[in-house]
Amino acid sequence: QPFLLTFEVKLLRLTGFRPNLEHCIICKIPLTLTLSPWGRGTKGEGLSIGFSLEKGGCVCARCRSHEQEIANEAISAMKSALALKLKDMPRFSPSPQGTQEARGLLRQFIEMRVGKKLKAQDVAQSLIA
């Protein structure tokens, strides 16, 4: 799955649809200031980060309304995959939970941008399973 995650985020970058992971897509505050150290904000803390499929990126806790929550591990996995050099691919091992969440979110994001369900992602997933 890390290979597919890397392929997907790099393809999105090359096609001009790279999701914004560095700052809130609405207020532009750097996300490092709003991340919970526990991976997700505890209910009531207001520290959870959201991801807007429509706007194409992360939304801070203050601006978040209906956007789905995204774990720090998923954000970190996508950022690491974007920065990854091909020669380092064999050593790339983001958390399985972060990778799975990031891939699920990217699937929704890609399908929203393309406007239809992508069968190629199912085929690619079956090849590595």
C-alpha atoms as a PDB file:
ATOM      1  CA  GLN A   1       0.000   0.000   0.000  1.00  0.00           C
ATOM      2  CA  PRO A   2       2.818   2.533   0.580  1.00  0.00           C
ATOM      3  CA  PHE A   3       3.778   2.134  -3.089  1.00  0.00           C
ATOM      4  CA  LEU A   4       0.224   2.924  -4.251  1.00  0.00           C
ATOM      5  CA  LEU A   5      -0.023   5.860  -1.853  1.00  0.00           C
ATOM      6  CA  THR A   6       3.214   7.283  -3.246  1.00  0.00           C
ATOM      7  CA  PHE A   7       2.061   6.776  -6.821  1.00  0.00           C
ATOM      8  CA  GLU A   8      -1.296   8.448  -6.163  1.00  0.00           C
ATOM      9  CA  VAL A   9       0.009  11.569  -4.403  1.00  0.00           C
ATOM     10  CA  LYS A  10       2.809  12.053  -6.924  1.00  0.00           C
ATOM     11  CA  LEU A  11       0.373  11.622  -9.820  1.00  0.00           C
ATOM     12  CA  LEU A  12      -1.936  14.195  -8.230  1.00  0.00           C
ATOM     13  CA  ARG A  13       1.007  16.604  -7.930  1.00  0.00           C
ATOM     14  CA  LEU A  14       2.017  16.077 -11.565  1.00  0.00           C
ATOM     15  CA  THR A  15      -1.544  16.677 -12.789  1.00  0.00           C
ATOM     16  CA  GLY A  16      -2.008  19.835 -10.718  1.00  0.00           C
ATOM     17  CA  PHE A  17      -4.413  18.326  -8.189  1.00  0.00           C
ATOM     18  CA  ARG A  18      -2.019  17.900  -5.254  1.00  0.00           C
ATOM     19  CA  PRO A  19      -3.979  18.125  -1.999  1.00  0.00           C
ATOM     20  CA  ASN A  20      -2.959  20.933   0.342  1.00  0.00           C
ATOM     21  CA  LEU A  21      -1.432  19.351   3.450  1.00  0.00           C
ATOM     22  CA  GLU A  22       0.662  22.184   4.884  1.00  0.00           C
ATOM     23  CA  HIS A  23      -1.896  24.773   5.940  1.00  0.00           C
ATOM     24  CA  CYS A  24      -5.611  25.230   6.405  1.00  0.00           C
ATOM     25  CA  ILE A  25      -7.203  25.621   2.984  1.00  0.00           C
ATOM     26  CA  ILE A  26      -9.531  28.289   4.429  1.00  0.00           C
ATOM     27  CA  CYS A  27      -7.578  30.481   6.891  1.00  0.00           C
ATOM     28  CA  LYS A  28      -4.028  29.531   5.744  1.00  0.00           C
ATOM     29  CA  ILE A  29      -2.768  28.805   9.299  1.00  0.00           C
ATOM     30  CA  PRO A  30       0.059  26.215   9.272  1.00  0.00           C
ATOM     31  CA  LEU A  31      -1.374  22.868  10.334  1.00  0.00           C
ATOM     32  CA  THR A  32       1.515  22.117  12.656  1.00  0.00           C
ATOM     33  CA  LEU A  33      -0.058  24.641  15.028  1.00  0.00           C
ATOM     34  CA  THR A  34      -3.345  22.799  15.184  1.00  0.00           C
ATOM     35  CA  LEU A  35      -2.374  19.137  15.223  1.00  0.00           C
ATOM     36  CA  SER A  36      -3.140  17.045  18.284  1.00  0.00           C
ATOM     37  CA  PRO A  37      -0.102  15.090  19.544  1.00  0.00           C
ATOM     38  CA  TRP A  38      -2.319  12.003  19.944  1.00  0.00           C
ATOM     39  CA  GLY A  39      -3.110  11.630  16.253  1.00  0.00           C
ATOM     40  CA  ARG A  40      -6.716  12.746  16.544  1.00  0.00           C
ATOM     41  CA  GLY A  41      -8.350  15.349  18.692  1.00  0.00           C
ATOM     42  CA  THR A  42     -10.287  13.932  21.604  1.00  0.00           C
ATOM     43  CA  LYS A  43     -13.986  14.721  21.374  1.00  0.00           C
ATOM     44  CA  GLY A  44     -14.581  18.164  22.747  1.00  0.00           C
ATOM     45  CA  GLU A  45     -10.966  19.299  22.340  1.00  0.00           C
ATOM     46  CA  GLY A  46     -11.573  20.844  18.948  1.00  0.00           C
ATOM     47  CA  LEU A  47      -8.127  19.758  17.779  1.00  0.00           C
ATOM     48  CA  SER A  48      -9.164  17.472  14.950  1.00  0.00           C
ATOM     49  CA  ILE A  49      -8.127  18.301  11.415  1.00  0.00           C
ATOM     50  CA  GLY A  50     -10.598  17.899   8.585  1.00  0.00           C
ATOM     51  CA  PHE A  51     -10.140  17.299   4.890  1.00  0.00           C
ATOM     52  CA  SER A  52     -12.268  19.074   2.321  1.00  0.00           C
ATOM     53  CA  LEU A  53     -12.701  17.034  -0.831  1.00  0.00           C
ATOM     54  CA  GLU A  54     -14.325  20.041  -2.519  1.00  0.00           C
ATOM     55  CA  LYS A  55     -11.599  22.557  -1.616  1.00  0.00           C
ATOM     56  CA  GLY A  56      -8.740  20.087  -2.049  1.00  0.00           C
ATOM     57  CA  GLY A  57      -6.995  20.100   1.283  1.00  0.00           C
ATOM     58  CA  CYS A  58      -6.856  20.095   5.040  1.00  0.00           C
ATOM     59  CA  VAL A  59      -9.028  22.313   7.205  1.00  0.00           C
ATOM     60  CA  CYS A  60      -7.955  23.366  10.707  1.00  0.00           C
ATOM     61  CA  ALA A  61     -10.076  22.740  13.794  1.00  0.00           C
ATOM     62  CA  ARG A  62     -11.284  26.350  13.903  1.00  0.00           C
ATOM     63  CA  CYS A  63     -12.498  26.361  10.295  1.00  0.00           C
ATOM     64  CA  ARG A  64     -13.741  22.785  10.200  1.00  0.00           C
ATOM     65  CA  SER A  65     -17.490  22.303   9.977  1.00  0.00           C
ATOM     66  CA  HIS A  66     -18.680  19.311   7.942  1.00  0.00           C
ATOM     67  CA  GLU A  67     -15.349  18.102   6.529  1.00  0.00           C
ATOM     68  CA  GLN A  68     -14.379  14.552   7.385  1.00  0.00           C
ATOM     69  CA  GLU A  69     -11.757  14.088  10.078  1.00  0.00           C
ATOM     70  CA  ILE A  70      -8.249  13.017   9.081  1.00  0.00           C
ATOM     71  CA  ALA A  71      -5.633  11.553  11.410  1.00  0.00           C
ATOM     72  CA  ASN A  72      -2.148  13.005  11.771  1.00  0.00           C
ATOM     73  CA  GLU A  73      -0.793   9.639  10.589  1.00  0.00           C
ATOM     74  CA  ALA A  74      -2.638   9.996   7.275  1.00  0.00           C
ATOM     75  CA  ILE A  75      -1.389  13.560   6.756  1.00  0.00           C
ATOM     76  CA  SER A  76       2.137  12.463   7.628  1.00  0.00           C
ATOM     77  CA  ALA A  77       1.956   9.476   5.257  1.00  0.00           C
ATOM     78  CA  MET A  78       0.872  11.696   2.354  1.00  0.00           C
ATOM     79  CA  LYS A  79       3.524  14.348   3.099  1.00  0.00           C
ATOM     80  CA  SER A  80       6.241  11.697   3.342  1.00  0.00           C
ATOM     81  CA  ALA A  81       5.106  10.035   0.114  1.00  0.00           C
ATOM     82  CA  LEU A  82       5.233  13.377  -1.705  1.00  0.00           C
ATOM     83  CA  ALA A  83       8.781  14.041  -0.516  1.00  0.00           C
ATOM     84  CA  LEU A  84       9.987  10.483  -1.158  1.00  0.00           C
ATOM     85  CA  LYS A  85      12.720   9.868  -3.702  1.00  0.00           C
ATOM     86  CA  LEU A  86      12.461   6.700  -5.808  1.00  0.00           C
ATOM     87  CA  LYS A  87      15.703   5.283  -4.387  1.00  0.00           C
ATOM     88  CA  ASP A  88      14.202   5.475  -0.870  1.00  0.00           C
ATOM     89  CA  MET A  89      10.989   3.622  -1.779  1.00  0.00           C
ATOM     90  CA  PRO A  90      12.106   0.218  -0.386  1.00  0.00           C
ATOM     91  CA  ARG A  91      12.601   1.789   3.069  1.00  0.00           C
ATOM     92  CA  PHE A  92       9.363   3.797   3.072  1.00  0.00           C
ATOM     93  CA  SER A  93       7.108   2.384   5.773  1.00  0.00           C
ATOM     94  CA  PRO A  94       4.414   4.764   7.014  1.00  0.00           C
ATOM     95  CA  SER A  95       1.988   3.430   9.603  1.00  0.00           C
ATOM     96  CA  PRO A  96      -0.516   0.945   8.152  1.00  0.00           C
ATOM     97  CA  GLN A  97      -3.426   2.902   9.659  1.00  0.00           C
ATOM     98  CA  GLY A  98      -2.187   6.207   8.241  1.00  0.00           C
ATOM     99  CA  THR A  99      -1.574   4.656   4.831  1.00  0.00           C
ATOM    100  CA  GLN A 100      -4.998   3.031   4.730  1.00  0.00           C
ATOM    101  CA  GLU A 101      -6.779   6.224   5.774  1.00  0.00           C
ATOM    102  CA  ALA A 102      -4.758   8.341   3.332  1.00  0.00           C
ATOM    103  CA  ARG A 103      -5.488   5.968   0.438  1.00  0.00           C
ATOM    104  CA  GLY A 104      -9.211   5.933   1.235  1.00  0.00           C
ATOM    105  CA  LEU A 105      -9.288   9.710   1.334  1.00  0.00           C
ATOM    106  CA  LEU A 106      -7.261  10.024  -1.877  1.00  0.00           C
ATOM    107  CA  ARG A 107      -9.592   7.583  -3.604  1.00  0.00           C
ATOM    108  CA  GLN A 108     -12.564   9.800  -2.752  1.00  0.00           C
ATOM    109  CA  PHE A 109     -10.595  12.905  -3.759  1.00  0.00           C
ATOM    110  CA  ILE A 110      -9.538  11.438  -7.119  1.00  0.00           C
ATOM    111  CA  GLU A 111     -13.023  10.142  -7.892  1.00  0.00           C
ATOM    112  CA  MET A 112     -14.497  13.544  -7.069  1.00  0.00           C
ATOM    113  CA  ARG A 113     -12.010  15.310  -9.364  1.00  0.00           C
ATOM    114  CA  VAL A 114     -12.472  12.820 -12.204  1.00  0.00           C
ATOM    115  CA  GLY A 115     -16.218  12.595 -11.742  1.00  0.00           C
ATOM    116  CA  LYS A 116     -16.489   8.811 -11.744  1.00  0.00           C
ATOM    117  CA  LYS A 117     -15.401   5.665  -9.923  1.00  0.00           C
ATOM    118  CA  LEU A 118     -11.949   4.481 -10.945  1.00  0.00           C
ATOM    119  CA  LYS A 119     -11.727   0.759 -11.630  1.00  0.00           C
ATOM    120  CA  ALA A 120      -7.948   0.907 -12.062  1.00  0.00           C
ATOM    121  CA  GLN A 121      -7.510   1.488  -8.329  1.00  0.00           C
ATOM    122  CA  ASP A 122      -9.330  -1.776  -7.573  1.00  0.00           C
ATOM    123  CA  VAL A 123      -7.125  -3.639 -10.060  1.00  0.00           C
ATOM    124  CA  ALA A 124      -3.926  -2.121  -8.630  1.00  0.00           C
ATOM    125  CA  GLN A 125      -5.039  -3.004  -5.102  1.00  0.00           C
ATOM    126  CA  SER A 126      -5.754  -6.612  -6.085  1.00  0.00           C
ATOM    127  CA  LEU A 127      -2.290  -6.945  -7.636  1.00  0.00           C
ATOM    128  CA  ILE A 128      -0.506  -6.144  -4.384  1.00  0.00           C
ATOM    129  CA  ALA A 129      -2.919  -7.923  -2.035  1.00  0.00           C
END
